Amino acid sequence: MTDVRFTPVSRHAKIPLNKVFPERGHACATPRNLENPEFWRFRAEEVRTIAESMRDGEPKRIMLKIAQDYEKIAKHVEQQAR
């Protein structure tokens, strides 16, 4: 079995998990991670990966909207850090 901490979750992921969350090695919603824009981008990528495998249009559309919202949160968190 592959160590998930070093394996991107999808073909689109560009950053290994250990680089995004070195303290835990996985995407856990801790208070520290909630202020990390990379956490939200990672979550968006997870949701997009799930949406890719869906066939039914409406659930897939909902999942893609969730991914967009996670991206918006990431941008908001970045702006708050400035």
N, C-alpha and C. Protein backbone atom coordinates (compact mmCIF):
# COMPACT_ATOMS: atom_id res chain seq x y z
N MET A 1 0.83 -1.18 0.00
CA MET A 1 0.00 0.00 0.00
C MET A 1 0.88 1.24 0.00
N THR A 2 0.50 2.24 -0.80
CA THR A 2 1.28 3.47 -0.92
C THR A 2 1.02 4.39 0.26
N ASP A 3 2.06 5.07 0.71
CA ASP A 3 1.93 6.03 1.80
C ASP A 3 1.22 7.27 1.27
N VAL A 4 0.01 7.51 1.75
CA VAL A 4 -0.83 8.60 1.26
C VAL A 4 -0.17 9.96 1.46
N ARG A 5 0.62 10.09 2.49
CA ARG A 5 1.24 11.39 2.77
C ARG A 5 2.14 11.87 1.63
N PHE A 6 2.61 10.97 0.80
CA PHE A 6 3.51 11.34 -0.27
C PHE A 6 2.89 11.18 -1.64
N THR A 7 1.62 10.87 -1.68
CA THR A 7 0.95 10.62 -2.95
C THR A 7 -0.17 11.63 -3.17
N PRO A 8 -0.11 12.40 -4.27
CA PRO A 8 -1.23 13.29 -4.56
C PRO A 8 -2.50 12.49 -4.75
N VAL A 9 -3.65 13.08 -4.43
CA VAL A 9 -4.90 12.35 -4.50
C VAL A 9 -5.45 12.24 -5.91
N SER A 10 -4.95 13.03 -6.84
CA SER A 10 -5.46 12.94 -8.19
C SER A 10 -4.38 13.30 -9.18
N ARG A 11 -4.68 13.12 -10.43
CA ARG A 11 -3.72 13.47 -11.47
C ARG A 11 -3.55 14.97 -11.60
N HIS A 12 -4.45 15.75 -11.00
CA HIS A 12 -4.37 17.21 -11.06
C HIS A 12 -3.58 17.81 -9.92
N ALA A 13 -3.41 17.05 -8.83
CA ALA A 13 -2.73 17.60 -7.66
C ALA A 13 -1.27 17.89 -8.01
N LYS A 14 -0.81 19.04 -7.60
CA LYS A 14 0.55 19.45 -7.92
C LYS A 14 1.47 19.42 -6.70
N ILE A 15 0.89 19.35 -5.51
CA ILE A 15 1.68 19.43 -4.29
C ILE A 15 1.44 18.17 -3.45
N PRO A 16 2.51 17.41 -3.13
CA PRO A 16 2.32 16.25 -2.26
C PRO A 16 1.79 16.67 -0.90
N LEU A 17 1.02 15.82 -0.28
CA LEU A 17 0.40 16.14 1.01
C LEU A 17 1.42 16.52 2.07
N ASN A 18 2.58 15.88 2.08
CA ASN A 18 3.55 16.18 3.11
C ASN A 18 4.10 17.60 2.98
N LYS A 19 3.97 18.21 1.82
CA LYS A 19 4.41 19.60 1.65
C LYS A 19 3.32 20.56 2.13
N VAL A 20 2.06 20.20 1.96
CA VAL A 20 0.95 21.06 2.36
C VAL A 20 0.72 20.97 3.86
N PHE A 21 0.76 19.76 4.40
CA PHE A 21 0.46 19.53 5.81
C PHE A 21 1.58 18.71 6.46
N PRO A 22 2.79 19.29 6.57
CA PRO A 22 3.90 18.49 7.10
C PRO A 22 3.71 18.03 8.54
N GLU A 23 2.92 18.78 9.32
CA GLU A 23 2.76 18.42 10.73
C GLU A 23 1.90 17.20 10.93
N ARG A 24 1.01 16.89 9.97
CA ARG A 24 0.11 15.75 10.14
C ARG A 24 0.17 14.79 8.98
N GLY A 25 0.56 15.28 7.80
CA GLY A 25 0.66 14.41 6.65
C GLY A 25 -0.66 14.15 5.95
N HIS A 26 -1.75 14.80 6.38
CA HIS A 26 -3.03 14.62 5.71
C HIS A 26 -3.89 15.85 5.90
N ALA A 27 -4.96 15.93 5.16
CA ALA A 27 -5.83 17.10 5.15
C ALA A 27 -6.86 17.02 6.27
N CYS A 28 -6.48 17.45 7.43
CA CYS A 28 -7.37 17.44 8.58
C CYS A 28 -7.78 18.88 8.89
N ALA A 29 -9.05 19.12 9.14
CA ALA A 29 -9.56 20.47 9.37
C ALA A 29 -9.26 20.94 10.79
N THR A 30 -8.01 21.24 11.05
CA THR A 30 -7.63 21.81 12.33
C THR A 30 -7.73 23.33 12.25
N PRO A 31 -7.80 24.02 13.37
CA PRO A 31 -7.85 25.49 13.31
C PRO A 31 -6.68 26.08 12.52
N ARG A 32 -5.52 25.50 12.66
CA ARG A 32 -4.34 25.97 11.92
C ARG A 32 -4.54 25.81 10.41
N ASN A 33 -5.06 24.69 9.99
CA ASN A 33 -5.28 24.46 8.55
C ASN A 33 -6.38 25.33 7.98
N LEU A 34 -7.36 25.69 8.78
CA LEU A 34 -8.46 26.51 8.28
C LEU A 34 -7.97 27.88 7.83
N GLU A 35 -6.82 28.31 8.32
CA GLU A 35 -6.23 29.58 7.93
C GLU A 35 -5.15 29.41 6.87
N ASN A 36 -5.04 28.22 6.32
CA ASN A 36 -4.03 27.90 5.31
C ASN A 36 -4.72 27.79 3.95
N PRO A 37 -4.42 28.71 3.01
CA PRO A 37 -5.08 28.65 1.71
C PRO A 37 -4.81 27.35 0.95
N GLU A 38 -3.65 26.75 1.18
CA GLU A 38 -3.35 25.48 0.51
C GLU A 38 -4.27 24.36 0.99
N PHE A 39 -4.69 24.43 2.23
CA PHE A 39 -5.66 23.46 2.74
C PHE A 39 -6.93 23.51 1.90
N TRP A 40 -7.44 24.73 1.67
CA TRP A 40 -8.68 24.89 0.91
C TRP A 40 -8.50 24.51 -0.55
N ARG A 41 -7.33 24.80 -1.13
CA ARG A 41 -7.07 24.38 -2.52
C ARG A 41 -7.00 22.86 -2.62
N PHE A 42 -6.41 22.24 -1.62
CA PHE A 42 -6.35 20.79 -1.59
C PHE A 42 -7.75 20.19 -1.51
N ARG A 43 -8.59 20.76 -0.64
CA ARG A 43 -9.97 20.27 -0.53
C ARG A 43 -10.71 20.43 -1.85
N ALA A 44 -10.50 21.57 -2.51
CA ALA A 44 -11.12 21.80 -3.82
C ALA A 44 -10.70 20.72 -4.81
N GLU A 45 -9.42 20.38 -4.78
CA GLU A 45 -8.92 19.35 -5.69
C GLU A 45 -9.53 17.99 -5.37
N GLU A 46 -9.68 17.68 -4.10
CA GLU A 46 -10.32 16.42 -3.71
C GLU A 46 -11.74 16.33 -4.28
N VAL A 47 -12.49 17.42 -4.15
CA VAL A 47 -13.88 17.43 -4.61
C VAL A 47 -13.93 17.34 -6.13
N ARG A 48 -13.02 18.04 -6.82
CA ARG A 48 -12.98 17.94 -8.30
C ARG A 48 -12.68 16.51 -8.73
N THR A 49 -11.79 15.84 -8.00
CA THR A 49 -11.45 14.45 -8.33
C THR A 49 -12.68 13.55 -8.19
N ILE A 50 -13.44 13.76 -7.14
CA ILE A 50 -14.67 12.98 -6.96
C ILE A 50 -15.65 13.28 -8.08
N ALA A 51 -15.79 14.55 -8.42
CA ALA A 51 -16.73 14.96 -9.48
C ALA A 51 -16.38 14.32 -10.82
N GLU A 52 -15.09 14.16 -11.09
CA GLU A 52 -14.66 13.55 -12.34
C GLU A 52 -15.24 12.15 -12.53
N SER A 53 -15.42 11.44 -11.44
CA SER A 53 -15.90 10.06 -11.54
C SER A 53 -17.43 9.97 -11.58
N MET A 54 -18.11 11.08 -11.41
CA MET A 54 -19.58 11.06 -11.38
C MET A 54 -20.15 11.12 -12.79
N ARG A 55 -21.26 10.42 -12.98
CA ARG A 55 -21.93 10.41 -14.28
C ARG A 55 -23.18 11.27 -14.29
N ASP A 56 -23.86 11.32 -13.16
CA ASP A 56 -25.11 12.07 -13.06
C ASP A 56 -24.78 13.57 -13.04
N GLY A 57 -25.39 14.32 -13.93
CA GLY A 57 -25.07 15.72 -14.12
C GLY A 57 -25.29 16.62 -12.92
N GLU A 58 -26.41 16.48 -12.22
CA GLU A 58 -26.73 17.37 -11.12
C GLU A 58 -25.77 17.20 -9.93
N PRO A 59 -25.54 15.98 -9.44
CA PRO A 59 -24.56 15.83 -8.36
C PRO A 59 -23.16 16.29 -8.77
N LYS A 60 -22.79 16.03 -10.00
CA LYS A 60 -21.48 16.47 -10.49
C LYS A 60 -21.40 17.99 -10.48
N ARG A 61 -22.45 18.66 -10.91
CA ARG A 61 -22.49 20.12 -10.92
C ARG A 61 -22.37 20.67 -9.49
N ILE A 62 -23.06 20.03 -8.56
CA ILE A 62 -23.00 20.45 -7.16
C ILE A 62 -21.57 20.31 -6.63
N MET A 63 -20.93 19.19 -6.92
CA MET A 63 -19.56 18.97 -6.45
C MET A 63 -18.60 20.00 -7.05
N LEU A 64 -18.77 20.32 -8.31
CA LEU A 64 -17.90 21.33 -8.93
C LEU A 64 -18.14 22.71 -8.33
N LYS A 65 -19.37 23.00 -7.94
CA LYS A 65 -19.67 24.26 -7.27
C LYS A 65 -19.00 24.30 -5.90
N ILE A 66 -19.00 23.19 -5.20
CA ILE A 66 -18.31 23.12 -3.91
C ILE A 66 -16.82 23.40 -4.09
N ALA A 67 -16.23 22.81 -5.13
CA ALA A 67 -14.81 23.05 -5.42
C ALA A 67 -14.56 24.53 -5.68
N GLN A 68 -15.44 25.17 -6.42
CA GLN A 68 -15.31 26.62 -6.68
C GLN A 68 -15.37 27.39 -5.36
N ASP A 69 -16.28 27.00 -4.50
CA ASP A 69 -16.41 27.69 -3.21
C ASP A 69 -15.16 27.51 -2.35
N TYR A 70 -14.56 26.33 -2.38
CA TYR A 70 -13.32 26.11 -1.65
C TYR A 70 -12.22 27.03 -2.20
N GLU A 71 -12.17 27.20 -3.51
CA GLU A 71 -11.18 28.10 -4.11
C GLU A 71 -11.42 29.54 -3.65
N LYS A 72 -12.69 29.94 -3.54
CA LYS A 72 -13.02 31.28 -3.05
C LYS A 72 -12.55 31.45 -1.60
N ILE A 73 -12.74 30.42 -0.80
CA ILE A 73 -12.29 30.47 0.59
C ILE A 73 -10.77 30.63 0.63
N ALA A 74 -10.05 29.89 -0.22
CA ALA A 74 -8.59 29.99 -0.26
C ALA A 74 -8.16 31.43 -0.58
N LYS A 75 -8.82 32.05 -1.54
CA LYS A 75 -8.48 33.44 -1.88
C LYS A 75 -8.79 34.38 -0.73
N HIS A 76 -9.90 34.15 -0.06
CA HIS A 76 -10.28 34.98 1.08
C HIS A 76 -9.25 34.84 2.21
N VAL A 77 -8.83 33.63 2.50
CA VAL A 77 -7.85 33.39 3.55
C VAL A 77 -6.54 34.09 3.20
N GLU A 78 -6.14 34.03 1.93
CA GLU A 78 -4.92 34.73 1.50
C GLU A 78 -5.04 36.23 1.74
N GLN A 79 -6.18 36.79 1.37
CA GLN A 79 -6.38 38.23 1.54
C GLN A 79 -6.37 38.62 3.01
N GLN A 80 -6.93 37.79 3.87
CA GLN A 80 -6.96 38.08 5.29
C GLN A 80 -5.55 38.06 5.91
N ALA A 81 -4.67 37.28 5.32
CA ALA A 81 -3.31 37.14 5.84
C ALA A 81 -2.46 38.36 5.51
N ARG A 82 -2.89 39.18 4.58
CA ARG A 82 -2.09 40.36 4.17
C ARG A 82 -2.22 41.49 5.13
